[in-house]
Protein backbone atom coordinates (compact mmCIF):
# COMPACT_ATOMS: atom_id res chain seq x y z
CA UNK A 1 -24.67 -12.64 -8.23
CA UNK A 2 -22.42 -15.39 -9.74
CA UNK A 3 -21.05 -18.24 -7.13
CA UNK A 4 -17.47 -18.42 -6.38
CA UNK A 5 -16.32 -21.16 -8.58
CA UNK A 6 -17.54 -19.51 -11.41
CA UNK A 7 -15.99 -16.14 -10.78
CA UNK A 8 -12.59 -18.82 -9.74
CA UNK A 9 -12.96 -20.71 -13.23
CA UNK A 10 -13.01 -17.01 -15.21
CA UNK A 11 -10.40 -15.35 -13.30
CA UNK A 12 -8.37 -18.64 -13.55
CA UNK A 13 -8.56 -18.73 -17.37
CA UNK A 14 -7.97 -14.99 -17.30
CA UNK A 15 -4.98 -15.18 -15.40
CA UNK A 16 -3.43 -18.07 -17.88
CA UNK A 17 -4.44 -16.08 -20.60
CA UNK A 18 -2.80 -12.83 -19.46
CA UNK A 19 0.55 -15.03 -18.24
CA UNK A 20 0.83 -16.15 -21.61
CA UNK A 21 0.36 -12.67 -23.61
CA UNK A 22 2.99 -11.30 -21.59
CA UNK A 23 5.28 -14.03 -22.25
CA UNK A 24 4.44 -13.08 -26.27
CA UNK A 25 5.29 -9.50 -25.80
CA UNK A 26 8.57 -10.03 -24.16
CA UNK A 27 9.49 -12.24 -26.93
CA UNK A 28 8.78 -9.39 -29.14
CA UNK A 29 11.01 -7.33 -27.37
CA UNK A 30 9.88 -4.81 -24.48
CA UNK A 31 9.61 -1.22 -24.70
CA UNK A 32 10.47 0.07 -21.04
CA UNK A 33 10.10 3.31 -19.26
CA UNK A 34 9.74 4.21 -15.42
CA UNK A 35 6.78 5.11 -13.94
CA UNK A 36 6.32 8.75 -11.47
CA UNK A 37 7.69 6.69 -8.56
CA UNK A 38 10.80 5.38 -10.36
CA UNK A 39 9.11 2.05 -10.69
CA UNK A 40 9.78 0.08 -14.40
CA UNK A 41 6.91 -0.54 -16.95
CA UNK A 42 6.83 -2.19 -19.77
CA UNK A 43 4.53 -2.06 -22.81
CA UNK A 44 3.48 -6.11 -21.93
CA UNK A 45 2.34 -4.16 -18.71
CA UNK A 46 -0.38 -1.98 -19.76
CA UNK A 47 -1.61 -4.67 -22.85
CA UNK A 48 -2.41 -6.78 -20.45
CA UNK A 49 -4.21 -4.86 -18.23
CA UNK A 50 -6.64 -3.79 -21.04
CA UNK A 51 -6.98 -7.52 -21.94
CA UNK A 52 -7.74 -8.18 -18.68
CA UNK A 53 -9.89 -5.15 -17.84
CA UNK A 54 -12.18 -6.04 -21.50
CA UNK A 55 -12.29 -9.80 -20.26
CA UNK A 56 -13.28 -9.56 -16.93
CA UNK A 57 -15.39 -6.74 -16.92
CA UNK A 58 -17.67 -7.94 -20.17
CA UNK A 59 -18.22 -11.30 -17.98
CA UNK A 60 -19.11 -8.99 -14.98
CA UNK A 61 -20.28 -5.42 -15.78
CA UNK A 62 -21.89 -4.85 -12.42
CA UNK A 63 -18.25 -5.86 -10.67
CA UNK A 64 -15.88 -2.83 -9.89
CA UNK A 65 -12.22 -2.97 -10.59
CA UNK A 66 -9.06 -1.91 -9.07
CA UNK A 67 -5.11 -1.72 -10.95
CA UNK A 68 -1.82 -1.39 -11.05
CA UNK A 69 -1.91 0.01 -14.64
CA UNK A 70 -5.81 1.58 -14.53
CA UNK A 71 -6.29 5.07 -12.94
CA UNK A 72 -8.27 4.54 -9.60
CA UNK A 73 -11.91 5.43 -9.78
CA UNK A 74 -14.21 5.79 -6.41
CA UNK A 75 -17.10 4.22 -8.65
CA UNK A 76 -15.36 0.58 -6.92
CA UNK A 77 -16.44 1.67 -3.35
CA UNK A 78 -19.96 1.42 -3.98
CA UNK A 79 -19.69 -2.34 -5.94
CA UNK A 80 -20.44 -5.30 -4.20
CA UNK A 81 -17.90 -7.35 -6.04
CA UNK A 82 -15.02 -6.28 -7.70
CA UNK A 83 -11.58 -7.59 -9.40
CA UNK A 84 -8.08 -6.53 -8.17
CA UNK A 85 -5.75 -7.19 -10.76
CA UNK A 86 -1.81 -6.67 -10.82
CA UNK A 87 -1.05 -7.29 -14.67
CA UNK A 88 2.21 -8.07 -13.75
CA UNK A 89 3.67 -8.66 -10.27
CA UNK A 90 7.06 -8.60 -10.35
CA UNK A 91 8.03 -6.64 -13.51
CA UNK A 92 11.92 -6.46 -12.93
CA UNK A 93 11.49 -10.11 -12.96
CA UNK A 94 10.10 -9.95 -15.99
CA UNK A 95 12.00 -7.70 -17.68
CA UNK A 96 15.08 -9.81 -16.83
CA UNK A 97 13.71 -13.04 -17.97
CA UNK A 98 13.67 -14.28 -14.40
CA UNK A 99 10.61 -16.51 -13.82
CA UNK A 100 9.45 -14.63 -10.19
CA UNK A 101 6.44 -12.81 -11.64
CA UNK A 102 2.92 -13.88 -12.11
CA UNK A 103 -0.47 -12.23 -12.87
CA UNK A 104 -2.78 -12.28 -9.38
CA UNK A 105 -6.48 -11.66 -9.72
CA UNK A 106 -9.11 -11.37 -6.93
CA UNK A 107 -12.41 -11.12 -6.69
CA UNK A 108 -13.34 -8.75 -3.47
CA UNK A 109 -16.82 -8.99 -2.23
CA UNK A 110 -17.85 -6.44 1.00
CA UNK A 111 -14.08 -5.98 1.71
CA UNK A 112 -12.66 -9.67 1.86
CA UNK A 113 -11.40 -11.77 -1.43
CA UNK A 114 -13.89 -14.24 -1.94
CA UNK A 115 -11.62 -15.82 -5.12
CA UNK A 116 -8.08 -15.70 -6.29
CA UNK A 117 -5.68 -16.51 -8.77
CA UNK A 118 -1.96 -16.38 -9.34
CA UNK A 119 -0.95 -17.58 -12.31
CA UNK A 120 3.27 -18.23 -12.34
CA UNK A 121 3.53 -18.35 -16.30
CA UNK A 122 7.58 -19.16 -17.04
CA UNK A 123 7.18 -21.87 -14.14
CA UNK A 124 3.64 -23.00 -15.16
CA UNK A 125 2.13 -23.00 -11.50
CA UNK A 126 -1.75 -21.63 -11.57
CA UNK A 127 -2.40 -20.96 -7.30
CA UNK A 128 -6.45 -20.84 -6.85
CA UNK A 129 -8.41 -20.74 -3.65
CA UNK A 130 -12.34 -19.63 -3.13
CA UNK A 131 -13.23 -18.55 0.50
CA UNK A 132 -14.47 -21.85 2.25
CA UNK A 133 -12.92 -23.84 -0.56
CA UNK A 134 -9.53 -24.77 0.34
CA UNK A 135 -5.84 -23.57 -1.85
CA UNK A 136 -4.85 -25.65 -4.25
CA UNK A 137 -2.03 -25.84 -6.89
CA UNK A 138 -2.27 -27.19 -10.55
CA UNK A 139 -5.81 -28.31 -8.65
CA UNK A 140 -3.88 -30.51 -5.89
CA UNK A 141 -4.71 -29.17 -2.65
CA UNK A 142 -1.66 -27.30 -0.73
CA UNK A 143 -1.07 -26.38 3.47
CA UNK A 144 0.94 -23.93 4.92
CA UNK A 145 3.81 -25.46 6.99
CA UNK A 146 3.61 -26.89 10.16
CA UNK A 147 6.86 -25.25 11.04
CA UNK A 148 7.20 -23.97 14.99
CA UNK A 149 9.98 -22.06 15.97
CA UNK A 150 11.90 -19.44 14.51
CA UNK A 151 15.13 -20.76 14.67
CA UNK A 152 16.08 -22.59 10.86
CA UNK A 153 12.99 -21.21 9.45
CA UNK A 154 12.77 -20.85 6.03
CA UNK A 155 11.81 -16.58 5.29
CA UNK A 156 10.97 -14.76 2.46
CA UNK A 157 12.21 -11.14 3.47
CA UNK A 158 15.28 -9.14 2.72
CA UNK A 159 18.09 -10.17 5.25
CA UNK A 160 19.58 -6.84 4.88
CA UNK A 161 16.81 -5.16 6.56
CA UNK A 162 15.81 -7.11 8.95
CA UNK A 163 19.41 -7.61 10.25
CA UNK A 164 19.80 -3.50 9.98
CA UNK A 165 16.90 -2.87 12.04
CA UNK A 166 16.95 -2.43 16.00
CA UNK A 167 14.59 -5.01 17.61
CA UNK A 168 13.13 -4.94 20.72
CA UNK A 169 13.28 -8.39 20.97
CA UNK A 170 16.00 -10.18 18.91
CA UNK A 171 15.18 -12.91 16.19
CA UNK A 172 16.95 -16.22 15.92
CA UNK A 173 19.28 -17.42 13.14
CA UNK A 174 16.70 -17.72 9.48
CA UNK A 175 17.27 -18.56 6.32
CA UNK A 176 16.21 -15.93 4.38
CA UNK A 177 15.36 -15.85 0.37
CA UNK A 178 14.33 -13.50 -2.44
CA UNK A 179 11.18 -13.75 -4.60
CA UNK A 180 10.03 -10.36 -6.78
CA UNK A 181 6.57 -10.71 -6.50
CA UNK A 182 4.22 -9.93 -3.45
CA UNK A 183 1.72 -12.11 -4.80
CA UNK A 184 4.15 -15.48 -5.25
CA UNK A 185 5.95 -15.04 -2.50
CA UNK A 186 2.64 -15.37 -0.12
CA UNK A 187 1.44 -18.71 -2.75
CA UNK A 188 4.69 -20.12 -1.73
CA UNK A 189 3.97 -20.12 2.05
CA UNK A 190 0.71 -20.95 1.48
CA UNK A 191 2.40 -23.95 -0.57
CA UNK A 192 4.93 -24.59 2.34
CA UNK A 193 7.32 -24.04 0.42
CA UNK A 194 8.90 -21.24 2.70
CA UNK A 195 7.26 -20.99 6.47
CA UNK A 196 6.51 -16.73 6.01
CA UNK A 197 7.23 -13.70 3.77
CA UNK A 198 7.15 -10.81 5.55
CA UNK A 199 7.71 -6.91 4.26
CA UNK A 200 7.65 -3.80 6.97
CA UNK A 201 6.75 -1.42 4.53
CA UNK A 202 2.96 -0.60 2.80
CA UNK A 203 1.82 -2.87 0.08
CA UNK A 204 -0.73 -2.25 -2.16
CA UNK A 205 -3.62 -4.01 -2.88
CA UNK A 206 -3.42 -5.45 -5.95
CA UNK A 207 0.22 -6.96 -4.65
CA UNK A 208 -1.52 -8.71 -2.00
CA UNK A 209 -4.86 -9.49 -2.42
CA UNK A 210 -4.67 -12.67 -4.21
CA UNK A 211 -1.95 -13.90 -1.75
CA UNK A 212 -3.87 -13.10 1.19
CA UNK A 213 -6.83 -15.47 0.67
CA UNK A 214 -5.13 -18.42 -1.29
CA UNK A 215 -2.23 -18.31 2.15
CA UNK A 216 -5.79 -18.12 4.76
CA UNK A 217 -7.26 -20.84 2.39
CA UNK A 218 -4.07 -22.92 2.81
CA UNK A 219 -4.06 -22.99 6.81
CA UNK A 220 -1.59 -19.23 6.69
CA UNK A 221 -2.10 -16.69 8.67
CA UNK A 222 -2.23 -13.01 7.07
CA UNK A 223 -1.83 -9.50 8.63
CA UNK A 224 0.12 -6.30 8.84
CA UNK A 225 3.54 -6.18 11.29
CA UNK A 226 0.52 -5.35 14.31
CA UNK A 227 -1.54 -8.66 13.66
CA UNK A 228 -4.26 -6.30 12.23
CA UNK A 229 -6.49 -8.43 9.65
CA UNK A 230 -6.69 -6.48 6.61
CA UNK A 231 -9.71 -4.99 4.53
CA UNK A 232 -9.78 -4.64 0.85
CA UNK A 233 -11.73 -2.04 -1.40
CA UNK A 234 -11.15 0.85 0.93
CA UNK A 235 -10.79 4.44 -0.37
CA UNK A 236 -6.51 4.21 -0.20
CA UNK A 237 -5.71 1.15 -1.55
CA UNK A 238 -2.96 -0.31 0.58
CA UNK A 239 -1.94 -2.35 3.20
CA UNK A 240 0.47 -0.85 6.22
CA UNK A 241 2.56 -3.83 5.83
CA UNK A 242 2.66 -7.79 5.69
CA UNK A 243 3.26 -10.36 7.58
CA UNK A 244 2.50 -13.87 5.83
CA UNK A 245 2.93 -17.27 8.04
CA UNK A 246 2.72 -20.40 8.87
CA UNK A 247 -0.14 -20.53 11.83
CA UNK A 248 2.61 -21.45 14.45
CA UNK A 249 5.02 -18.47 13.23
CA UNK A 250 2.76 -15.82 13.02
CA UNK A 251 2.45 -14.87 16.84
CA UNK A 252 6.19 -15.32 16.68
CA UNK A 253 6.70 -13.04 14.42
CA UNK A 254 4.09 -10.23 15.43
CA UNK A 255 5.94 -10.40 18.76
CA UNK A 256 8.66 -8.75 17.08
CA UNK A 257 7.21 -6.50 14.75
CA UNK A 258 4.51 -5.44 16.57
CA UNK A 259 6.33 -2.35 18.41
CA UNK A 260 7.64 -0.86 15.02
CA UNK A 261 5.96 2.62 14.06
CA UNK A 262 4.74 2.61 10.91
CA UNK A 263 2.25 4.67 8.50
CA UNK A 264 1.60 5.49 4.76
């Protein structure tokens, strides 16, 4: 079994190269169509996915594979370690030449992410972490915010949905912002640029796996909306919901979101 630092070096370089490849595809002109679920996909998504699968599995042939753009196989369930990949997280932003997209890659061992890299090419930002090794942006340590009150907290969440829902316990005034890519939202919480990211709907593992490790290694808390910790590389590669928050804010958010009945 290779070391976590070796795996991190592999996925960090792969994420960087994948980001540059995506930029080249967009400059050449994208081909765009819709998936069965009506979400957009481009020729860049598929090309980057194929590139990453070849690069990573050639280096680690004994690892499993889970990616948004590859048909899932139960073979991954028998693997000690697997790669969890989204070739382009935030495809809508990517298509519109907005910067809020990234390439997140994680290595999962026994259901837990142990190495992760998230690269945002248009911003030149590389987030990374290993289990127990801390989280970094551009090689420098990052830490989640020390905000302890929800009032005026900086949140990455859909303000309309938050305000439209009837809550058992009301929320204080907060500041809402948007970023397309879920992985990037979690990385921003890890870096202390925002206090929390909230998504009260199911999320695929490839969207949140890398971000969960980076956020937790930076001191943030990550769970579903009831406070339950995530497990990865399960038969159904989805999480019920996402709460990623500064440690003091997490319980304040869970107290309000936990009563919501939510299933896949």
